[in-house]
Amino acid sequence: MVKLRLKVGPKGQVVIPKVLREKYGIRENGYVLVEARENELAIVRAPGIEETLEWIRQRREKLRAKQAKLGELAELDLEEEFNEDLC
């Protein structure tokens, strides 16, 4: 694991070094996600439009395979389903 010490500017801005931006596909005017974890912050490249559309397609296929009948939803733990997809 590589750790870098970066200076935080007056507006809370941090510059991600070029080598890391290139490695992780972070582009100018692109977006990143900041995840607050227990004792740290993680900066993650936000998925692009194509990646998001692919995730939606895959999710639709998965849901088609699990089509529930009326009354079956009471047996599902929707929070568990949601968390499975995030992993």
N, C-alpha and C. Protein backbone atom coordinates (compact mmCIF):
# COMPACT_ATOMS: atom_id res chain seq x y z
N MET A 1 0.84 -1.17 0.00
CA MET A 1 0.00 0.00 0.00
C MET A 1 0.89 1.24 0.00
N VAL A 2 0.56 2.18 -0.86
CA VAL A 2 1.31 3.43 -0.95
C VAL A 2 0.57 4.50 -0.15
N LYS A 3 1.30 5.23 0.65
CA LYS A 3 0.71 6.34 1.39
C LYS A 3 1.42 7.62 0.98
N LEU A 4 0.66 8.63 0.66
CA LEU A 4 1.23 9.93 0.29
C LEU A 4 0.72 10.99 1.24
N ARG A 5 1.59 11.91 1.59
CA ARG A 5 1.19 13.04 2.42
C ARG A 5 0.90 14.19 1.47
N LEU A 6 -0.36 14.65 1.45
CA LEU A 6 -0.78 15.72 0.56
C LEU A 6 -1.21 16.92 1.37
N LYS A 7 -0.93 18.09 0.85
CA LYS A 7 -1.31 19.33 1.52
C LYS A 7 -2.75 19.69 1.17
N VAL A 8 -3.50 20.09 2.17
CA VAL A 8 -4.89 20.51 1.98
C VAL A 8 -4.89 22.03 1.83
N GLY A 9 -5.48 22.50 0.73
CA GLY A 9 -5.54 23.94 0.46
C GLY A 9 -6.57 24.64 1.32
N PRO A 10 -6.66 25.97 1.19
CA PRO A 10 -7.56 26.77 2.02
C PRO A 10 -9.04 26.43 1.82
N LYS A 11 -9.41 25.87 0.70
CA LYS A 11 -10.81 25.50 0.45
C LYS A 11 -11.04 24.00 0.66
N GLY A 12 -10.09 23.32 1.30
CA GLY A 12 -10.21 21.89 1.55
C GLY A 12 -9.84 21.05 0.35
N GLN A 13 -9.21 21.65 -0.64
CA GLN A 13 -8.86 20.92 -1.86
C GLN A 13 -7.54 20.16 -1.70
N VAL A 14 -7.51 18.98 -2.33
CA VAL A 14 -6.32 18.15 -2.34
C VAL A 14 -6.04 17.80 -3.80
N VAL A 15 -4.78 17.86 -4.21
CA VAL A 15 -4.41 17.50 -5.58
C VAL A 15 -3.97 16.03 -5.59
N ILE A 16 -4.65 15.24 -6.41
CA ILE A 16 -4.28 13.84 -6.57
C ILE A 16 -3.13 13.80 -7.58
N PRO A 17 -2.00 13.22 -7.21
CA PRO A 17 -0.85 13.19 -8.13
C PRO A 17 -1.19 12.56 -9.47
N LYS A 18 -0.56 13.08 -10.52
CA LYS A 18 -0.83 12.65 -11.90
C LYS A 18 -0.69 11.14 -12.08
N VAL A 19 0.34 10.55 -11.51
CA VAL A 19 0.56 9.12 -11.68
C VAL A 19 -0.63 8.31 -11.15
N LEU A 20 -1.23 8.76 -10.06
CA LEU A 20 -2.39 8.07 -9.50
C LEU A 20 -3.66 8.35 -10.31
N ARG A 21 -3.81 9.58 -10.78
CA ARG A 21 -4.97 9.89 -11.63
C ARG A 21 -4.95 9.03 -12.88
N GLU A 22 -3.77 8.89 -13.49
CA GLU A 22 -3.65 8.07 -14.70
C GLU A 22 -3.91 6.60 -14.39
N LYS A 23 -3.35 6.11 -13.31
CA LYS A 23 -3.51 4.69 -12.95
C LYS A 23 -4.97 4.34 -12.71
N TYR A 24 -5.72 5.23 -12.07
CA TYR A 24 -7.10 4.93 -11.69
C TYR A 24 -8.14 5.56 -12.62
N GLY A 25 -7.69 6.15 -13.70
CA GLY A 25 -8.62 6.67 -14.70
C GLY A 25 -9.42 7.89 -14.25
N ILE A 26 -8.81 8.71 -13.43
CA ILE A 26 -9.47 9.94 -12.97
C ILE A 26 -9.07 11.04 -13.94
N ARG A 27 -10.04 11.60 -14.61
CA ARG A 27 -9.77 12.59 -15.66
C ARG A 27 -10.22 13.99 -15.22
N GLU A 28 -9.63 14.98 -15.86
CA GLU A 28 -10.02 16.37 -15.61
C GLU A 28 -11.52 16.51 -15.86
N ASN A 29 -12.19 17.22 -15.00
CA ASN A 29 -13.64 17.43 -15.03
C ASN A 29 -14.43 16.13 -14.80
N GLY A 30 -13.74 15.07 -14.40
CA GLY A 30 -14.41 13.83 -14.04
C GLY A 30 -14.84 13.91 -12.59
N TYR A 31 -15.37 12.81 -12.10
CA TYR A 31 -15.87 12.77 -10.72
C TYR A 31 -15.21 11.66 -9.94
N VAL A 32 -15.09 11.87 -8.66
CA VAL A 32 -14.64 10.84 -7.72
C VAL A 32 -15.67 10.74 -6.61
N LEU A 33 -15.67 9.61 -5.94
CA LEU A 33 -16.51 9.42 -4.76
C LEU A 33 -15.61 9.44 -3.54
N VAL A 34 -16.04 10.08 -2.49
CA VAL A 34 -15.30 10.07 -1.23
C VAL A 34 -16.11 9.23 -0.26
N GLU A 35 -15.51 8.14 0.19
CA GLU A 35 -16.18 7.24 1.12
C GLU A 35 -15.63 7.48 2.53
N ALA A 36 -16.53 7.78 3.45
CA ALA A 36 -16.13 7.94 4.85
C ALA A 36 -16.15 6.56 5.48
N ARG A 37 -15.01 6.12 5.93
CA ARG A 37 -14.89 4.83 6.59
C ARG A 37 -14.63 5.08 8.07
N GLU A 38 -14.41 4.03 8.83
CA GLU A 38 -14.29 4.17 10.28
C GLU A 38 -13.32 5.27 10.70
N ASN A 39 -12.08 5.18 10.29
CA ASN A 39 -11.08 6.19 10.68
C ASN A 39 -10.34 6.75 9.49
N GLU A 40 -10.99 6.74 8.32
CA GLU A 40 -10.30 7.19 7.12
C GLU A 40 -11.29 7.65 6.05
N LEU A 41 -10.76 8.32 5.05
CA LEU A 41 -11.52 8.68 3.86
C LEU A 41 -10.89 7.94 2.69
N ALA A 42 -11.73 7.43 1.82
CA ALA A 42 -11.23 6.75 0.61
C ALA A 42 -11.73 7.52 -0.59
N ILE A 43 -10.84 7.81 -1.53
CA ILE A 43 -11.22 8.47 -2.78
C ILE A 43 -11.28 7.41 -3.86
N VAL A 44 -12.44 7.28 -4.50
CA VAL A 44 -12.67 6.24 -5.49
C VAL A 44 -13.18 6.89 -6.77
N ARG A 45 -12.69 6.42 -7.91
CA ARG A 45 -13.17 6.95 -9.19
C ARG A 45 -14.65 6.63 -9.32
N ALA A 46 -15.44 7.63 -9.66
CA ALA A 46 -16.86 7.42 -9.88
C ALA A 46 -17.05 6.68 -11.20
N PRO A 47 -17.99 5.75 -11.25
CA PRO A 47 -18.19 5.02 -12.51
C PRO A 47 -18.69 5.95 -13.61
N GLY A 48 -18.26 5.66 -14.83
CA GLY A 48 -18.72 6.43 -15.98
C GLY A 48 -20.11 6.00 -16.40
N ILE A 49 -20.65 6.68 -17.38
CA ILE A 49 -22.00 6.38 -17.86
C ILE A 49 -22.11 4.95 -18.36
N GLU A 50 -21.13 4.51 -19.15
CA GLU A 50 -21.18 3.14 -19.69
C GLU A 50 -21.14 2.10 -18.57
N GLU A 51 -20.29 2.33 -17.57
CA GLU A 51 -20.22 1.40 -16.45
C GLU A 51 -21.53 1.36 -15.68
N THR A 52 -22.14 2.52 -15.50
CA THR A 52 -23.42 2.58 -14.80
C THR A 52 -24.51 1.87 -15.58
N LEU A 53 -24.55 2.09 -16.89
CA LEU A 53 -25.55 1.41 -17.73
C LEU A 53 -25.36 -0.10 -17.70
N GLU A 54 -24.12 -0.55 -17.71
CA GLU A 54 -23.85 -1.99 -17.64
C GLU A 54 -24.31 -2.56 -16.31
N TRP A 55 -24.07 -1.82 -15.22
CA TRP A 55 -24.53 -2.26 -13.90
C TRP A 55 -26.05 -2.39 -13.90
N ILE A 56 -26.73 -1.41 -14.50
CA ILE A 56 -28.20 -1.45 -14.57
C ILE A 56 -28.66 -2.67 -15.37
N ARG A 57 -28.01 -2.94 -16.51
CA ARG A 57 -28.37 -4.11 -17.32
C ARG A 57 -28.20 -5.40 -16.53
N GLN A 58 -27.08 -5.52 -15.85
CA GLN A 58 -26.82 -6.72 -15.06
C GLN A 58 -27.83 -6.86 -13.92
N ARG A 59 -28.16 -5.75 -13.30
CA ARG A 59 -29.13 -5.76 -12.19
C ARG A 59 -30.49 -6.19 -12.70
N ARG A 60 -30.92 -5.69 -13.87
CA ARG A 60 -32.20 -6.09 -14.45
C ARG A 60 -32.24 -7.58 -14.70
N GLU A 61 -31.15 -8.13 -15.25
CA GLU A 61 -31.09 -9.57 -15.51
C GLU A 61 -31.20 -10.36 -14.21
N LYS A 62 -30.50 -9.90 -13.21
CA LYS A 62 -30.54 -10.58 -11.91
C LYS A 62 -31.95 -10.53 -11.33
N LEU A 63 -32.60 -9.38 -11.45
CA LEU A 63 -33.95 -9.26 -10.91
C LEU A 63 -34.95 -10.10 -11.69
N ARG A 64 -34.76 -10.21 -13.00
CA ARG A 64 -35.65 -11.07 -13.80
C ARG A 64 -35.57 -12.51 -13.32
N ALA A 65 -34.38 -12.93 -12.96
CA ALA A 65 -34.20 -14.30 -12.49
C ALA A 65 -34.85 -14.52 -11.13
N LYS A 66 -35.08 -13.44 -10.40
CA LYS A 66 -35.65 -13.54 -9.06
C LYS A 66 -37.07 -12.97 -9.00
N GLN A 67 -37.81 -13.03 -10.08
CA GLN A 67 -39.15 -12.44 -10.09
C GLN A 67 -39.99 -13.06 -8.98
N ALA A 68 -40.47 -12.21 -8.12
CA ALA A 68 -41.27 -12.66 -6.98
C ALA A 68 -42.75 -12.57 -7.31
N LYS A 69 -43.50 -13.45 -6.68
CA LYS A 69 -44.96 -13.42 -6.81
C LYS A 69 -45.51 -12.64 -5.63
N LEU A 70 -46.72 -12.17 -5.78
CA LEU A 70 -47.37 -11.42 -4.73
C LEU A 70 -47.35 -12.22 -3.43
N GLY A 71 -46.91 -11.61 -2.37
CA GLY A 71 -46.83 -12.29 -1.08
C GLY A 71 -45.43 -12.79 -0.75
N GLU A 72 -44.60 -13.02 -1.77
CA GLU A 72 -43.25 -13.51 -1.53
C GLU A 72 -42.31 -12.43 -1.02
N LEU A 73 -42.64 -11.16 -1.27
CA LEU A 73 -41.76 -10.08 -0.84
C LEU A 73 -41.62 -10.02 0.67
N ALA A 74 -42.60 -10.50 1.39
CA ALA A 74 -42.53 -10.50 2.85
C ALA A 74 -41.38 -11.36 3.34
N GLU A 75 -40.97 -12.34 2.54
CA GLU A 75 -39.90 -13.25 2.92
C GLU A 75 -38.52 -12.72 2.57
N LEU A 76 -38.42 -11.66 1.76
CA LEU A 76 -37.14 -11.13 1.32
C LEU A 76 -36.63 -10.07 2.28
N ASP A 77 -35.35 -10.04 2.49
CA ASP A 77 -34.70 -8.99 3.25
C ASP A 77 -34.11 -8.02 2.24
N LEU A 78 -34.83 -6.94 1.94
CA LEU A 78 -34.40 -6.02 0.89
C LEU A 78 -33.08 -5.34 1.22
N GLU A 79 -32.84 -5.06 2.50
CA GLU A 79 -31.58 -4.44 2.88
C GLU A 79 -30.41 -5.37 2.57
N GLU A 80 -30.58 -6.66 2.83
CA GLU A 80 -29.54 -7.63 2.51
C GLU A 80 -29.31 -7.71 1.01
N GLU A 81 -30.40 -7.67 0.22
CA GLU A 81 -30.29 -7.69 -1.23
C GLU A 81 -29.49 -6.50 -1.73
N PHE A 82 -29.79 -5.32 -1.18
CA PHE A 82 -29.12 -4.10 -1.60
C PHE A 82 -27.63 -4.18 -1.26
N ASN A 83 -27.30 -4.64 -0.07
CA ASN A 83 -25.91 -4.73 0.35
C ASN A 83 -25.14 -5.74 -0.49
N GLU A 84 -25.78 -6.82 -0.93
CA GLU A 84 -25.13 -7.81 -1.79
C GLU A 84 -24.65 -7.17 -3.08
N ASP A 85 -25.47 -6.28 -3.64
CA ASP A 85 -25.14 -5.66 -4.92
C ASP A 85 -23.99 -4.68 -4.80
N LEU A 86 -23.78 -4.12 -3.64
CA LEU A 86 -22.71 -3.15 -3.46
C LEU A 86 -21.35 -3.80 -3.30
N CYS A 87 -21.34 -5.07 -2.97
CA CYS A 87 -20.06 -5.77 -2.76
C CYS A 87 -19.43 -6.18 -4.05
